[in-house]
Amino acid sequence: MQGSARAGCRLVGSGVVPPGEIALAALLAIIPALDEEETVAQVVRAVLDHLDADVLVVDDGSRDDTVGCAVRAGAVVLSHPFNLGVGAALRTGFRYAQDHSYAVAVQIDGDGQHEVADAKRLVEAVTDGGADLAVGSRFGAGYDVSRLRRTSMRLLSRRVSRYLGVTITDTTSGFRAFSAAAVDRFATAYPTAYLSDTVEALLLARDLGFTVTEVGVQMHARQGGAPSSNSLRSLYHFLRLWLVLGLHRFRRPLLRAELAT
């Protein structure tokens, strides 16, 4: 899958920096998107308005006009030939950031859920606070979720926070900023399975010796489009994730050996 994600990308639109050259901005906003034509242009414009950043939309096999909307809004677009998942889309974004020497990358959803203005706080946690991975937590601002989901997220928080040695209340948040060191590692080692792209990535960050912190942010309900996962699929991946957490201590030596090669 790693090779497919990279080889299958095609450049769309203008403004792409040739690989190996340093980008004009120090910050890259990575927006994974799947069938987000209703919202992606608004998100791209919000990033350009609020952040001194270049914008990369990674189209993960959309069948609508996500690509056209993103390009017309001012983003560079990389497209997967078919759906590979958010984790693979982020790997593509990290490789682009690595190739173009960005100092910081920030992940923002393409569905309008993330308050783009708060991305500055995540970036500052990396540039000024010394974090390698800054996670945006929705719960400090009173974000409402169902009782079942809240309970499952609390269980995940306790398990992951204990492993990290730092409290992370929103382990499944996809609103995050990454240092250049984290980008370099995650460009080849980022988890690609659903939910693993958030939770397992935190475990991997700790294994790699990265500093992880959490920042309170505001999030909204999805502003358009449809979720990529239904309730049954989410339950399956949640159970799979607990298996991953249980086996991580056994997989950790293999991961370190893989990263050392």
Protein backbone atom coordinates (compact mmCIF):
# COMPACT_ATOMS: atom_id res chain seq x y z
CA MET A 1 0.00 0.00 0.00
CA GLN A 2 2.86 2.37 0.69
CA GLY A 3 4.12 2.12 -2.87
CA SER A 4 0.63 2.45 -4.32
CA ALA A 5 -0.10 5.61 -2.36
CA ARG A 6 3.01 7.31 -3.65
CA ALA A 7 3.16 6.02 -7.21
CA GLY A 8 -0.57 6.57 -7.77
CA CYS A 9 -0.52 10.29 -7.01
CA ARG A 10 -0.87 12.77 -9.81
CA LEU A 11 -0.36 16.52 -9.63
CA VAL A 12 -3.37 18.64 -10.47
CA GLY A 13 -3.51 22.40 -10.86
CA SER A 14 -0.83 25.04 -10.67
CA GLY A 15 1.61 26.29 -8.08
CA VAL A 16 3.33 22.98 -7.32
CA VAL A 17 6.85 23.45 -5.99
CA PRO A 18 9.39 21.15 -7.75
CA PRO A 19 10.67 18.40 -5.42
CA GLY A 20 13.86 19.36 -3.61
CA GLU A 21 13.19 23.10 -3.66
CA ILE A 22 12.32 24.94 -0.45
CA ALA A 23 8.72 26.16 -0.29
CA LEU A 24 7.98 29.85 0.13
CA ALA A 25 5.94 29.27 3.30
CA ALA A 26 7.30 27.42 6.34
CA LEU A 27 3.89 25.88 7.05
CA LEU A 28 1.99 23.33 4.98
CA ALA A 29 -1.70 22.68 5.62
CA ILE A 30 -2.58 19.11 4.62
CA ILE A 31 -6.27 18.52 3.90
CA PRO A 32 -7.25 14.88 3.25
CA ALA A 33 -10.49 14.85 1.26
CA LEU A 34 -12.93 12.25 -0.03
CA ASP A 35 -16.01 13.53 -1.87
CA GLU A 36 -15.92 16.91 -0.14
CA GLU A 37 -17.01 19.18 -3.03
CA GLU A 38 -19.55 20.90 -0.77
CA THR A 39 -16.98 22.13 1.75
CA VAL A 40 -13.37 21.80 0.55
CA ALA A 41 -13.22 25.20 -1.19
CA GLN A 42 -14.46 26.95 1.94
CA VAL A 43 -11.82 25.16 4.04
CA VAL A 44 -9.02 26.02 1.59
CA ARG A 45 -10.02 29.68 1.55
CA ALA A 46 -10.21 29.75 5.37
CA VAL A 47 -6.66 28.40 5.59
CA LEU A 48 -5.39 30.99 3.12
CA ASP A 49 -7.18 33.74 5.07
CA HIS A 50 -6.06 32.71 8.58
CA LEU A 51 -2.67 31.04 8.14
CA ASP A 52 0.58 31.97 6.43
CA ALA A 53 0.61 28.56 4.80
CA ASP A 54 0.66 26.67 1.55
CA VAL A 55 -2.35 24.39 1.13
CA LEU A 56 -2.19 20.80 -0.10
CA VAL A 57 -5.40 18.86 -0.63
CA VAL A 58 -4.89 15.11 -0.89
CA ASP A 59 -7.83 13.79 -2.88
CA ASP A 60 -8.35 10.19 -1.76
CA GLY A 61 -10.20 8.85 -4.79
CA SER A 62 -13.13 11.27 -4.85
CA ARG A 63 -15.88 10.70 -7.40
CA ASP A 64 -17.27 14.24 -7.23
CA ASP A 65 -15.69 17.63 -8.05
CA THR A 66 -13.48 17.80 -4.94
CA VAL A 67 -10.36 18.26 -7.09
CA GLY A 68 -11.82 21.08 -9.18
CA CYS A 69 -13.23 22.90 -6.16
CA ALA A 70 -9.90 22.68 -4.31
CA VAL A 71 -7.83 23.88 -7.27
CA ARG A 72 -10.16 26.82 -7.98
CA ALA A 73 -9.93 27.82 -4.30
CA GLY A 74 -6.13 28.02 -4.52
CA ALA A 75 -4.84 24.65 -3.30
CA VAL A 76 -2.29 22.29 -4.75
CA VAL A 77 -3.91 18.88 -5.20
CA LEU A 78 -2.47 15.38 -5.16
CA SER A 79 -4.89 12.63 -6.14
CA HIS A 80 -4.93 8.93 -5.30
CA PRO A 81 -6.33 6.77 -8.13
CA PHE A 82 -8.73 5.14 -5.65
CA ASN A 83 -9.63 5.36 -1.97
CA LEU A 84 -6.72 4.38 0.30
CA GLY A 85 -7.86 5.93 3.58
CA VAL A 86 -6.95 8.97 5.65
CA GLY A 87 -3.68 7.47 6.87
CA ALA A 88 -2.44 6.91 3.33
CA ALA A 89 -3.56 10.42 2.37
CA LEU A 90 -1.52 11.81 5.25
CA ARG A 91 1.54 9.82 4.18
CA THR A 92 1.21 11.42 0.77
CA GLY A 93 0.99 14.84 2.42
CA PHE A 94 3.98 14.15 4.67
CA ARG A 95 6.07 13.07 1.69
CA TYR A 96 5.18 16.28 -0.10
CA ALA A 97 6.10 18.29 3.02
CA GLN A 98 9.37 16.37 3.35
CA ASP A 99 10.27 16.84 -0.33
CA HIS A 100 9.73 20.58 -0.06
CA SER A 101 11.36 21.21 3.34
CA TYR A 102 8.38 22.57 5.26
CA ALA A 103 9.17 23.33 8.90
CA VAL A 104 5.68 22.43 10.18
CA ALA A 105 2.64 20.61 8.81
CA VAL A 106 -0.91 20.94 10.12
CA GLN A 107 -3.70 18.48 9.34
CA ILE A 108 -7.16 19.95 8.76
CA ASP A 109 -10.31 18.07 7.75
CA GLY A 110 -11.95 18.95 4.45
CA ASP A 111 -15.51 18.74 5.81
CA GLY A 112 -15.49 22.02 7.74
CA GLN A 113 -15.44 20.45 11.20
CA HIS A 114 -12.21 22.13 12.30
CA GLU A 115 -12.04 25.80 13.27
CA VAL A 116 -9.17 26.88 11.04
CA ALA A 117 -8.33 29.91 13.20
CA ASP A 118 -7.41 27.49 16.01
CA ALA A 119 -4.78 25.86 13.82
CA LYS A 120 -2.46 28.72 14.81
CA ARG A 121 -2.48 27.44 18.39
CA LEU A 122 -1.50 23.95 17.25
CA VAL A 123 1.30 25.32 15.10
CA GLU A 124 2.55 27.49 17.97
CA ALA A 125 2.67 24.42 20.24
CA VAL A 126 5.22 23.04 17.76
CA THR A 127 7.16 26.18 16.83
CA ASP A 128 7.18 27.83 20.28
CA GLY A 129 6.30 25.02 22.66
CA GLY A 130 8.74 22.42 21.36
CA ALA A 131 6.16 19.72 20.62
CA ASP A 132 6.60 17.28 17.74
CA LEU A 133 2.91 16.39 17.66
CA ALA A 134 0.20 18.77 18.88
CA VAL A 135 -3.29 17.28 19.13
CA GLY A 136 -6.37 19.48 19.04
CA SER A 137 -8.96 18.47 21.65
CA ARG A 138 -12.62 19.28 21.04
CA PHE A 139 -13.75 18.58 24.60
CA GLY A 140 -12.48 21.70 26.32
CA ALA A 141 -14.92 23.75 24.22
CA GLY A 142 -17.89 21.55 25.21
CA TYR A 143 -18.19 19.46 22.04
CA ASP A 144 -21.16 17.11 22.42
CA VAL A 145 -21.00 13.40 21.52
CA SER A 146 -23.24 10.45 22.33
CA ARG A 147 -22.87 8.72 25.70
CA LEU A 148 -21.56 5.53 24.07
CA ARG A 149 -18.98 7.39 22.02
CA ARG A 150 -17.94 9.51 25.00
CA THR A 151 -17.42 6.37 27.10
CA SER A 152 -15.33 4.67 24.41
CA MET A 153 -13.24 7.80 23.91
CA ARG A 154 -12.59 8.08 27.65
CA LEU A 155 -11.39 4.47 27.73
CA LEU A 156 -9.07 5.17 24.82
CA SER A 157 -7.84 8.32 26.49
CA ARG A 158 -6.90 6.52 29.69
CA ARG A 159 -5.09 3.74 27.87
CA VAL A 160 -3.18 6.01 25.49
CA SER A 161 -2.40 8.69 28.09
CA ARG A 162 -0.93 6.07 30.40
CA TYR A 163 1.36 4.89 27.60
CA LEU A 164 2.39 8.41 26.58
CA GLY A 165 2.87 9.75 30.09
CA VAL A 166 0.82 12.82 29.15
CA THR A 167 -2.95 13.32 29.17
CA ILE A 168 -4.61 13.24 25.75
CA THR A 169 -8.39 13.55 26.07
CA ASP A 170 -9.17 13.46 22.33
CA THR A 171 -7.17 10.52 20.97
CA THR A 172 -9.17 10.30 17.72
CA SER A 173 -8.76 13.97 16.81
CA GLY A 174 -7.69 14.60 13.24
CA PHE A 175 -6.83 18.24 13.94
CA ARG A 176 -3.07 18.13 14.57
CA ALA A 177 0.28 19.82 13.88
CA PHE A 178 3.59 18.05 13.21
CA SER A 179 7.22 19.11 13.48
CA ALA A 180 9.65 18.55 10.62
CA ALA A 181 11.16 15.61 12.53
CA ALA A 182 7.72 14.00 12.89
CA VAL A 183 6.97 14.62 9.22
CA ASP A 184 10.20 12.90 8.20
CA ARG A 185 9.40 9.78 10.24
CA PHE A 186 5.71 9.65 9.45
CA ALA A 187 6.34 10.01 5.71
CA THR A 188 7.25 6.31 5.70
CA ALA A 189 5.83 4.91 8.94
CA TYR A 190 2.42 6.53 9.43
CA PRO A 191 -0.40 4.06 10.25
CA THR A 192 -2.94 3.75 7.45
CA ALA A 193 -5.82 1.73 8.97
CA TYR A 194 -8.98 3.60 9.98
CA LEU A 195 -8.65 5.04 13.54
CA SER A 196 -5.03 3.85 13.63
CA ASP A 197 -4.18 7.05 11.75
CA THR A 198 -5.04 8.88 14.96
CA VAL A 199 -4.69 6.58 17.98
CA GLU A 200 -1.90 4.28 16.83
CA ALA A 201 0.01 7.31 15.55
CA LEU A 202 0.17 8.57 19.13
CA LEU A 203 1.73 5.30 20.29
CA LEU A 204 4.23 5.45 17.45
CA ALA A 205 5.11 9.04 18.34
CA ARG A 206 6.02 7.93 21.84
CA ASP A 207 8.08 5.00 20.51
CA LEU A 208 10.01 7.44 18.31
CA GLY A 209 10.78 9.70 21.26
CA PHE A 210 8.58 12.56 20.09
CA THR A 211 7.05 15.13 22.43
CA VAL A 212 3.25 15.00 22.31
CA THR A 213 0.95 17.70 23.70
CA GLU A 214 -2.72 18.59 23.57
CA VAL A 215 -4.30 21.97 22.78
CA GLY A 216 -7.94 22.91 23.29
CA VAL A 217 -9.70 23.78 20.01
CA GLN A 218 -13.19 24.33 18.71
CA MET A 219 -14.81 21.83 16.38
CA HIS A 220 -18.13 21.85 14.56
CA ALA A 221 -20.51 19.28 13.18
CA ARG A 222 -19.73 18.12 9.65
CA GLN A 223 -20.67 21.00 7.31
CA GLY A 224 -21.45 18.85 4.27
CA GLY A 225 -20.99 15.49 2.58
CA ALA A 226 -21.25 12.11 4.28
CA PRO A 227 -19.02 10.37 6.85
CA SER A 228 -16.58 7.86 5.37
CA SER A 229 -17.54 5.22 7.94
CA ASN A 230 -20.95 3.98 9.12
CA SER A 231 -21.78 2.79 12.65
CA LEU A 232 -21.15 -0.91 11.97
CA ARG A 233 -17.82 -0.24 10.34
CA SER A 234 -16.83 2.11 13.15
CA LEU A 235 -17.60 -0.61 15.71
CA TYR A 236 -15.44 -3.09 13.80
CA HIS A 237 -12.52 -0.66 13.66
CA PHE A 238 -12.94 0.27 17.32
CA LEU A 239 -12.65 -3.39 18.33
CA ARG A 240 -9.69 -3.80 15.98
CA LEU A 241 -8.07 -0.78 17.57
CA TRP A 242 -8.28 -2.33 21.05
CA LEU A 243 -6.54 -5.41 19.65
CA VAL A 244 -3.82 -3.16 18.21
CA LEU A 245 -3.39 -1.46 21.59
CA GLY A 246 -3.09 -4.83 23.32
CA LEU A 247 -0.50 -6.11 20.86
CA HIS A 248 1.50 -2.91 20.52
CA ARG A 249 4.13 -3.82 23.10
CA PHE A 250 4.90 -6.96 21.09
CA ARG A 251 4.93 -5.11 17.75
CA ARG A 252 7.09 -2.26 19.05
CA PRO A 253 10.48 -4.01 18.53
CA LEU A 254 9.47 -4.85 14.95
CA LEU A 255 8.47 -1.25 14.29
CA ARG A 256 11.76 0.06 15.63
CA ALA A 257 13.72 -2.42 13.51
CA GLU A 258 11.73 -1.38 10.44
CA LEU A 259 12.37 2.32 11.09
CA ALA A 260 16.09 1.71 11.63
CA THR A 261 16.52 0.19 8.17
